[in-house]
N, C-alpha and C. Protein backbone atom coordinates (compact mmCIF):
# COMPACT_ATOMS: atom_id res chain seq x y z
N MET A 1 178.38 -68.19 -19.19
CA MET A 1 177.10 -69.31 -18.50
C MET A 1 175.95 -68.33 -18.50
N ARG A 2 174.94 -68.50 -19.57
CA ARG A 2 173.80 -67.79 -18.46
C ARG A 2 172.52 -68.63 -18.04
N GLY A 3 171.85 -68.12 -16.89
CA GLY A 3 170.84 -69.08 -16.10
C GLY A 3 170.66 -68.94 -15.21
N PHE A 4 170.10 -70.08 -14.84
CA PHE A 4 169.83 -70.38 -13.46
C PHE A 4 170.32 -71.55 -13.32
N THR A 5 171.58 -71.88 -11.99
CA THR A 5 171.67 -73.22 -11.98
C THR A 5 170.80 -74.14 -10.93
N LEU A 6 171.02 -75.92 -11.42
CA LEU A 6 169.59 -76.35 -10.21
C LEU A 6 169.08 -75.88 -8.65
N ILE A 7 170.67 -75.66 -7.97
CA ILE A 7 169.96 -75.95 -6.86
C ILE A 7 169.36 -74.42 -6.54
N GLU A 8 169.55 -72.98 -7.10
CA GLU A 8 168.49 -72.03 -7.46
C GLU A 8 167.06 -72.72 -7.78
N LEU A 9 166.76 -73.18 -8.60
CA LEU A 9 165.66 -73.52 -9.21
C LEU A 9 165.32 -75.00 -8.02
N ILE A 10 165.82 -75.12 -7.81
CA ILE A 10 164.94 -76.34 -6.45
C ILE A 10 164.01 -75.16 -5.06
N THR A 11 165.38 -74.63 -5.01
CA THR A 11 165.23 -73.37 -3.96
C THR A 11 163.89 -72.82 -4.53
N VAL A 12 163.42 -72.51 -4.91
CA VAL A 12 162.79 -71.52 -5.57
C VAL A 12 161.25 -72.20 -5.41
N LEU A 13 161.63 -73.32 -6.05
CA LEU A 13 160.34 -74.36 -6.37
C LEU A 13 159.99 -74.67 -5.11
N ILE A 14 161.15 -74.67 -4.01
CA ILE A 14 160.39 -75.57 -2.60
C ILE A 14 160.15 -73.59 -2.00
N LEU A 15 160.50 -72.49 -1.77
CA LEU A 15 159.89 -71.61 -1.14
C LEU A 15 158.06 -71.61 -2.27
N VAL A 16 157.98 -71.26 -3.67
CA VAL A 16 156.82 -71.10 -3.86
C VAL A 16 155.89 -72.33 -3.25
N GLY A 17 156.02 -73.48 -3.08
CA GLY A 17 155.36 -74.83 -1.91
C GLY A 17 155.22 -74.42 -0.54
N ILE A 18 156.84 -73.98 -0.16
CA ILE A 18 155.75 -73.32 1.30
C ILE A 18 154.77 -71.97 1.61
N LEU A 19 155.12 -71.28 0.00
CA LEU A 19 153.97 -70.17 0.10
C LEU A 19 152.99 -71.07 0.10
N ALA A 20 152.84 -71.65 -1.00
CA ALA A 20 151.66 -72.01 -1.66
C ALA A 20 150.53 -72.67 0.05
N ILE A 21 151.43 -73.93 0.34
CA ILE A 21 150.78 -73.98 1.37
C ILE A 21 150.17 -73.22 2.25
N VAL A 22 151.30 -72.50 2.84
CA VAL A 22 150.19 -71.17 4.11
C VAL A 22 149.47 -70.20 3.30
N ALA A 23 149.54 -69.66 2.67
CA ALA A 23 148.99 -68.96 1.96
C ALA A 23 147.74 -68.97 0.99
N TRP A 24 147.49 -69.67 1.07
CA TRP A 24 146.96 -70.02 -0.24
C TRP A 24 144.89 -70.93 0.15
N PRO A 25 145.06 -71.58 1.53
CA PRO A 25 143.84 -71.63 2.02
C PRO A 25 143.09 -70.20 2.23
N ARG A 26 144.28 -69.23 2.98
CA ARG A 26 143.68 -68.27 3.86
C ARG A 26 143.29 -67.46 2.57
N PHE A 27 143.26 -67.17 0.90
CA PHE A 27 142.39 -66.85 -0.30
C PHE A 27 141.50 -66.93 -0.48
N LEU A 28 140.97 -68.76 -0.40
CA LEU A 28 140.39 -69.29 -0.39
C LEU A 28 138.71 -68.62 0.53
N ASP A 29 139.62 -68.74 1.35
CA ASP A 29 138.33 -68.20 2.61
C ASP A 29 137.84 -66.93 2.64
N ARG A 30 137.14 -66.83 2.12
CA ARG A 30 136.36 -65.06 1.66
C ARG A 30 136.04 -64.79 2.69
N ASN A 31 135.47 -65.51 3.76
CA ASN A 31 135.08 -64.84 5.43
C ASN A 31 135.28 -63.65 5.88
N VAL A 32 136.72 -64.40 6.07
CA VAL A 32 138.24 -62.92 7.02
C VAL A 32 138.11 -61.98 5.89
N PHE A 33 138.01 -62.00 5.12
CA PHE A 33 137.83 -60.24 3.75
C PHE A 33 136.41 -60.05 4.14
N GLU A 34 135.53 -60.45 4.52
CA GLU A 34 134.59 -60.02 4.36
C GLU A 34 133.46 -59.25 5.72
N SER A 35 133.97 -60.18 6.54
CA SER A 35 133.84 -59.55 8.22
C SER A 35 135.01 -58.88 7.99
N ARG A 36 136.19 -58.72 7.92
CA ARG A 36 137.15 -57.19 7.97
C ARG A 36 136.64 -56.31 7.57
N GLY A 37 136.18 -56.55 6.12
CA GLY A 37 135.11 -55.61 5.25
C GLY A 37 133.88 -54.93 5.93
N PHE A 38 133.35 -56.10 6.77
CA PHE A 38 132.11 -55.23 7.25
C PHE A 38 132.39 -54.47 8.72
N TYR A 39 133.49 -54.86 9.22
CA TYR A 39 134.36 -54.04 10.41
C TYR A 39 134.62 -52.81 9.72
N ASP A 40 135.06 -52.73 8.85
CA ASP A 40 135.38 -51.35 8.80
C ASP A 40 134.99 -50.47 8.13
N GLU A 41 133.68 -51.37 6.90
CA GLU A 41 132.40 -50.22 6.74
C GLU A 41 131.70 -50.03 8.54
N THR A 42 131.48 -50.47 9.16
CA THR A 42 130.48 -50.09 10.40
C THR A 42 131.42 -49.15 11.36
N LYS A 43 132.76 -49.11 11.53
CA LYS A 43 133.47 -47.89 11.55
C LYS A 43 133.65 -46.47 10.88
N SER A 44 133.66 -47.12 9.38
CA SER A 44 133.48 -45.78 8.88
C SER A 44 132.27 -44.94 8.84
N LEU A 45 131.25 -45.76 9.27
CA LEU A 45 129.33 -45.13 9.24
C LEU A 45 129.27 -45.01 10.74
N LEU A 46 129.79 -45.06 11.54
CA LEU A 46 129.58 -44.62 12.75
C LEU A 46 130.56 -43.48 12.50
N ARG A 47 131.86 -43.38 12.14
CA ARG A 47 132.49 -42.41 11.95
C ARG A 47 132.27 -40.82 11.23
N TYR A 48 131.29 -41.46 10.27
CA TYR A 48 130.21 -40.39 9.62
C TYR A 48 129.33 -40.23 10.38
N ALA A 49 128.88 -40.91 11.44
CA ALA A 49 127.55 -40.42 12.04
C ALA A 49 128.01 -38.79 12.85
N GLN A 50 129.02 -39.52 13.73
CA GLN A 50 129.84 -38.10 14.37
C GLN A 50 129.67 -37.24 14.04
N LYS A 51 130.64 -37.25 12.38
CA LYS A 51 131.39 -35.55 11.66
C LYS A 51 129.83 -34.97 11.24
N THR A 52 128.77 -35.99 11.27
CA THR A 52 127.40 -35.84 10.37
C THR A 52 127.17 -34.15 11.19
N ALA A 53 126.68 -34.92 12.69
CA ALA A 53 126.32 -34.40 13.58
C ALA A 53 127.11 -33.21 14.16
N VAL A 54 128.72 -33.22 13.83
CA VAL A 54 129.23 -31.86 14.31
C VAL A 54 128.82 -30.74 13.14
N ALA A 55 128.99 -31.22 11.89
CA ALA A 55 128.80 -30.17 11.31
C ALA A 55 127.60 -29.72 10.72
N GLN A 56 126.41 -30.37 11.10
CA GLN A 56 125.59 -29.64 10.69
C GLN A 56 124.61 -29.41 11.58
N ARG A 57 124.65 -29.64 12.88
CA ARG A 57 124.38 -29.35 14.48
C ARG A 57 123.46 -29.59 14.31
N ARG A 58 123.09 -31.19 14.54
CA ARG A 58 122.03 -31.65 14.50
C ARG A 58 122.10 -32.95 15.02
N THR A 59 121.58 -33.50 15.75
CA THR A 59 121.12 -34.79 16.63
C THR A 59 121.49 -36.29 15.50
N VAL A 60 122.34 -37.24 15.85
CA VAL A 60 122.09 -38.02 14.38
C VAL A 60 121.92 -39.25 15.47
N CYS A 61 120.98 -40.27 15.33
CA CYS A 61 120.12 -41.69 15.79
C CYS A 61 121.03 -42.71 15.01
N VAL A 62 121.73 -43.57 15.70
CA VAL A 62 122.15 -44.76 15.26
C VAL A 62 121.98 -46.27 15.90
N THR A 63 120.91 -46.75 15.10
CA THR A 63 120.41 -48.21 15.25
C THR A 63 121.40 -49.19 15.11
N LEU A 64 121.89 -50.15 16.13
CA LEU A 64 123.09 -50.96 16.03
C LEU A 64 122.26 -52.36 15.72
N GLY A 65 121.75 -52.94 14.37
CA GLY A 65 121.48 -54.27 14.77
C GLY A 65 122.41 -55.63 14.11
N ALA A 66 121.47 -56.49 14.31
CA ALA A 66 122.93 -57.44 13.87
C ALA A 66 123.17 -57.98 12.70
N THR A 67 122.64 -57.26 11.68
CA THR A 67 123.62 -57.40 10.71
C THR A 67 123.41 -55.96 9.54
N GLY A 68 123.55 -54.23 10.66
CA GLY A 68 124.22 -53.49 10.25
C GLY A 68 123.83 -52.16 10.84
N VAL A 69 123.98 -51.44 10.47
CA VAL A 69 123.84 -49.82 11.22
C VAL A 69 122.83 -48.94 10.59
N GLY A 70 121.60 -48.69 11.22
CA GLY A 70 121.05 -47.45 10.63
C GLY A 70 121.65 -46.22 10.76
N LEU A 71 121.06 -45.00 9.92
CA LEU A 71 121.40 -43.27 11.09
C LEU A 71 119.91 -43.12 9.72
N THR A 72 119.81 -42.15 10.62
CA THR A 72 118.21 -41.09 10.75
C THR A 72 119.35 -39.94 11.34
N ILE A 73 118.40 -38.66 11.13
CA ILE A 73 119.27 -36.92 11.24
C ILE A 73 117.74 -36.22 11.98
N ALA A 74 117.83 -35.82 12.83
CA ALA A 74 116.42 -34.78 13.18
C ALA A 74 116.47 -33.63 12.17
N ALA A 75 115.18 -33.53 11.60
CA ALA A 75 114.72 -32.68 10.80
C ALA A 75 115.27 -31.62 11.33
N ALA A 76 114.85 -30.59 13.25
CA ALA A 76 115.42 -29.30 13.73
C ALA A 76 117.28 -29.25 14.02
N ALA A 77 116.91 -28.54 14.27
CA ALA A 77 118.27 -27.92 14.70
C ALA A 77 118.65 -28.75 16.17
N ASN A 78 117.65 -28.39 17.36
CA ASN A 78 117.19 -28.43 18.63
C ASN A 78 116.62 -29.36 19.27
N SER A 79 115.88 -30.54 17.70
CA SER A 79 115.61 -31.56 18.12
C SER A 79 116.13 -32.70 18.65
N ASN A 80 115.72 -33.74 19.60
CA ASN A 80 116.63 -35.02 20.07
C ASN A 80 115.45 -36.06 19.13
N VAL A 81 114.84 -35.95 18.40
CA VAL A 81 113.75 -36.94 17.56
C VAL A 81 113.95 -37.13 16.01
N CYS A 82 115.19 -37.96 15.93
CA CYS A 82 115.48 -38.39 14.45
C CYS A 82 114.94 -39.03 13.50
N ASP A 83 114.09 -38.25 12.39
CA ASP A 83 112.82 -38.24 11.86
C ASP A 83 113.19 -38.73 10.50
N THR A 84 114.63 -38.15 9.62
CA THR A 84 115.18 -38.34 8.37
C THR A 84 115.79 -39.32 8.18
N PRO A 85 115.77 -40.04 7.11
CA PRO A 85 116.65 -40.85 7.21
C PRO A 85 118.28 -39.81 6.22
N LEU A 86 119.33 -40.59 7.06
CA LEU A 86 121.08 -39.87 6.85
C LEU A 86 121.34 -40.52 5.28
N ALA A 87 121.11 -39.41 4.02
CA ALA A 87 121.85 -39.42 3.14
C ALA A 87 123.39 -40.50 3.07
N LEU A 88 123.87 -41.47 2.61
CA LEU A 88 125.30 -42.01 2.78
C LEU A 88 125.98 -41.79 1.09
N PRO A 89 127.02 -41.52 1.21
CA PRO A 89 127.61 -41.77 0.28
C PRO A 89 127.78 -42.80 -0.57
N ASN A 90 127.71 -43.69 0.13
CA ASN A 90 128.39 -44.80 -0.13
C ASN A 90 127.33 -45.89 0.22
N PRO A 91 126.33 -46.35 0.84
CA PRO A 91 125.40 -47.10 1.14
C PRO A 91 125.97 -48.60 1.25
N PRO A 92 126.00 -48.50 2.56
CA PRO A 92 126.61 -50.36 3.22
C PRO A 92 126.12 -51.28 3.07
N ARG A 93 126.99 -52.67 2.87
CA ARG A 93 126.41 -54.02 2.19
C ARG A 93 126.08 -54.49 2.55
N GLY A 94 126.49 -54.50 4.15
CA GLY A 94 125.85 -54.89 5.36
C GLY A 94 126.46 -56.21 5.45
N GLY A 95 126.55 -56.74 6.35
CA GLY A 95 127.23 -58.31 6.39
C GLY A 95 126.13 -58.66 7.69
N THR A 96 126.43 -59.58 8.88
CA THR A 96 126.65 -60.22 9.91
C THR A 96 127.43 -60.84 11.16
N GLY A 97 126.91 -60.94 12.08
CA GLY A 97 127.59 -60.86 13.74
C GLY A 97 127.84 -59.52 14.30
N LEU A 98 126.62 -58.64 14.09
CA LEU A 98 127.09 -57.53 14.74
C LEU A 98 126.71 -57.25 16.33
N SER A 99 127.77 -57.03 17.05
CA SER A 99 126.80 -57.10 18.40
C SER A 99 127.28 -55.76 19.41
N SER A 100 126.72 -55.67 20.02
CA SER A 100 126.92 -54.00 20.89
C SER A 100 126.39 -53.74 22.28
N SER A 101 126.94 -53.40 22.95
CA SER A 101 126.62 -53.32 24.24
C SER A 101 125.24 -52.25 24.29
N VAL A 102 124.48 -51.90 23.00
CA VAL A 102 123.42 -51.16 23.04
C VAL A 102 122.95 -51.22 21.75
N ALA A 103 121.83 -51.13 22.31
CA ALA A 103 120.72 -51.36 20.54
C ALA A 103 120.90 -49.95 20.11
N ALA A 104 121.16 -48.89 20.85
CA ALA A 104 120.66 -47.41 19.87
C ALA A 104 121.54 -46.04 20.00
N LEU A 105 121.65 -45.68 19.13
CA LEU A 105 122.32 -44.76 20.66
C LEU A 105 122.62 -42.74 19.43
N GLN A 106 122.79 -42.11 20.34
CA GLN A 106 122.38 -40.45 19.29
C GLN A 106 124.12 -39.87 19.16
N PHE A 107 124.03 -39.30 17.87
CA PHE A 107 125.94 -38.55 18.41
C PHE A 107 124.90 -36.48 18.50
N ARG A 108 125.37 -36.25 19.65
CA ARG A 108 124.12 -34.68 19.82
C ARG A 108 125.35 -33.51 19.12
N SER A 109 125.28 -32.64 18.59
CA SER A 109 125.78 -31.99 17.60
C SER A 109 127.28 -31.10 18.42
N LEU A 110 127.80 -32.05 19.51
CA LEU A 110 128.72 -31.67 20.38
C LEU A 110 129.58 -32.71 19.78
N GLY A 111 128.95 -33.73 19.27
CA GLY A 111 129.54 -35.00 19.10
C GLY A 111 129.60 -35.95 19.49
N ASP A 112 129.44 -35.42 21.10
CA ASP A 112 129.35 -36.72 22.50
C ASP A 112 127.89 -37.28 21.67
N THR A 113 127.93 -38.20 23.02
CA THR A 113 127.19 -39.63 22.45
C THR A 113 126.03 -39.13 23.51
N ASP A 114 125.01 -39.79 23.72
CA ASP A 114 123.33 -39.55 24.68
C ASP A 114 123.94 -40.50 25.28
N GLN A 115 124.82 -41.82 25.66
CA GLN A 115 125.37 -42.63 26.38
C GLN A 115 126.19 -41.69 28.31
N ALA A 116 125.66 -42.81 28.85
CA ALA A 116 126.33 -42.54 30.07
C ALA A 116 127.73 -43.31 30.47
N SER A 117 128.01 -44.31 29.07
CA SER A 117 129.41 -44.95 29.52
C SER A 117 129.69 -45.64 27.94
N ASN A 118 130.97 -45.91 27.99
CA ASN A 118 131.65 -45.96 26.39
C ASN A 118 130.77 -47.17 25.94
N VAL A 119 130.61 -47.13 24.20
CA VAL A 119 129.87 -48.15 23.55
C VAL A 119 130.84 -48.86 22.94
N THR A 120 130.38 -50.25 23.40
CA THR A 120 131.40 -51.51 23.13
C THR A 120 130.98 -51.62 21.58
N ILE A 121 131.12 -52.70 20.11
CA ILE A 121 130.36 -53.51 19.29
C ILE A 121 131.56 -54.49 18.94
N ASN A 122 131.30 -55.42 19.02
CA ASN A 122 132.25 -56.93 17.88
C ASN A 122 132.11 -57.10 16.75
N VAL A 123 132.14 -57.37 15.56
CA VAL A 123 131.96 -58.09 14.26
C VAL A 123 131.93 -59.71 14.44
N ALA A 124 132.15 -60.08 14.81
CA ALA A 124 132.35 -61.58 14.78
C ALA A 124 132.78 -62.32 13.30
N GLY A 125 133.85 -62.77 13.25
CA GLY A 125 135.20 -63.30 12.89
C GLY A 125 136.53 -62.80 12.45
N THR A 126 136.40 -60.90 13.51
CA THR A 126 137.57 -59.93 13.34
C THR A 126 137.78 -60.37 14.94
N ALA A 127 138.78 -59.79 15.15
CA ALA A 127 139.25 -59.44 16.11
C ALA A 127 139.50 -58.25 16.85
N GLY A 128 139.18 -57.42 16.32
CA GLY A 128 139.38 -56.30 16.70
C GLY A 128 137.54 -55.85 17.27
N THR A 129 137.68 -55.04 18.52
CA THR A 129 136.50 -54.73 18.75
C THR A 129 136.52 -52.12 18.98
N MET A 130 135.42 -52.69 18.55
CA MET A 130 135.28 -50.96 17.80
C MET A 130 135.02 -50.54 19.58
N THR A 131 135.48 -49.29 20.18
CA THR A 131 134.57 -48.10 20.65
C THR A 131 134.10 -46.81 20.79
N ILE A 132 132.93 -46.53 21.14
CA ILE A 132 132.57 -45.34 20.88
C ILE A 132 132.44 -44.40 22.36
N ASP A 133 133.59 -43.57 22.32
CA ASP A 133 133.83 -42.53 23.80
C ASP A 133 132.66 -41.61 24.03
N HIS A 134 132.24 -41.88 24.92
CA HIS A 134 130.81 -41.12 25.20
C HIS A 134 130.71 -40.00 25.43
N THR A 135 132.02 -39.45 26.19
CA THR A 135 131.87 -37.86 26.16
C THR A 135 132.81 -37.15 24.91
N THR A 136 133.48 -37.60 24.09
CA THR A 136 133.81 -37.02 22.90
C THR A 136 133.11 -37.92 21.49
N GLY A 137 132.26 -38.89 21.59
CA GLY A 137 132.39 -39.16 20.35
C GLY A 137 132.90 -40.17 19.48
N HIS A 138 134.11 -40.20 20.18
CA HIS A 138 135.67 -40.82 19.04
C HIS A 138 135.02 -42.17 19.22
N VAL A 139 135.59 -42.42 17.65
CA VAL A 139 135.23 -44.16 16.92
C VAL A 139 136.77 -44.68 17.16
N HIS A 140 136.81 -45.43 17.51
CA HIS A 140 138.16 -46.47 17.73
C HIS A 140 138.53 -47.82 17.82
């Protein structure tokens, strides 16, 4: 004999029903995925800014606003004035709900920041908090 028994078919239908009840509402709510994407995008931009400062031996300025991150770079190697927009390989889409302990910071040529303490950044809708170590510039 081939095929499935009635008990096996009913068991599969029950399992599919349970998964549909639990998982389906999560997939319909795009806000969860969009806020996590905005969180990851912001973290990547901050890491890119720190690595660019080290690689080009110039100051990179970061402006943190409610809808995203702005990056500029100093035109001269020994300048703290960021006057040139930093070219990004993938321009950010932006989002909402970004809050930070500071409005702006600088990554210096050694990779550290100009802040006296660590910087914390939160994105609404996510459980994670980003921290920028002020002595190393590491974003985690």
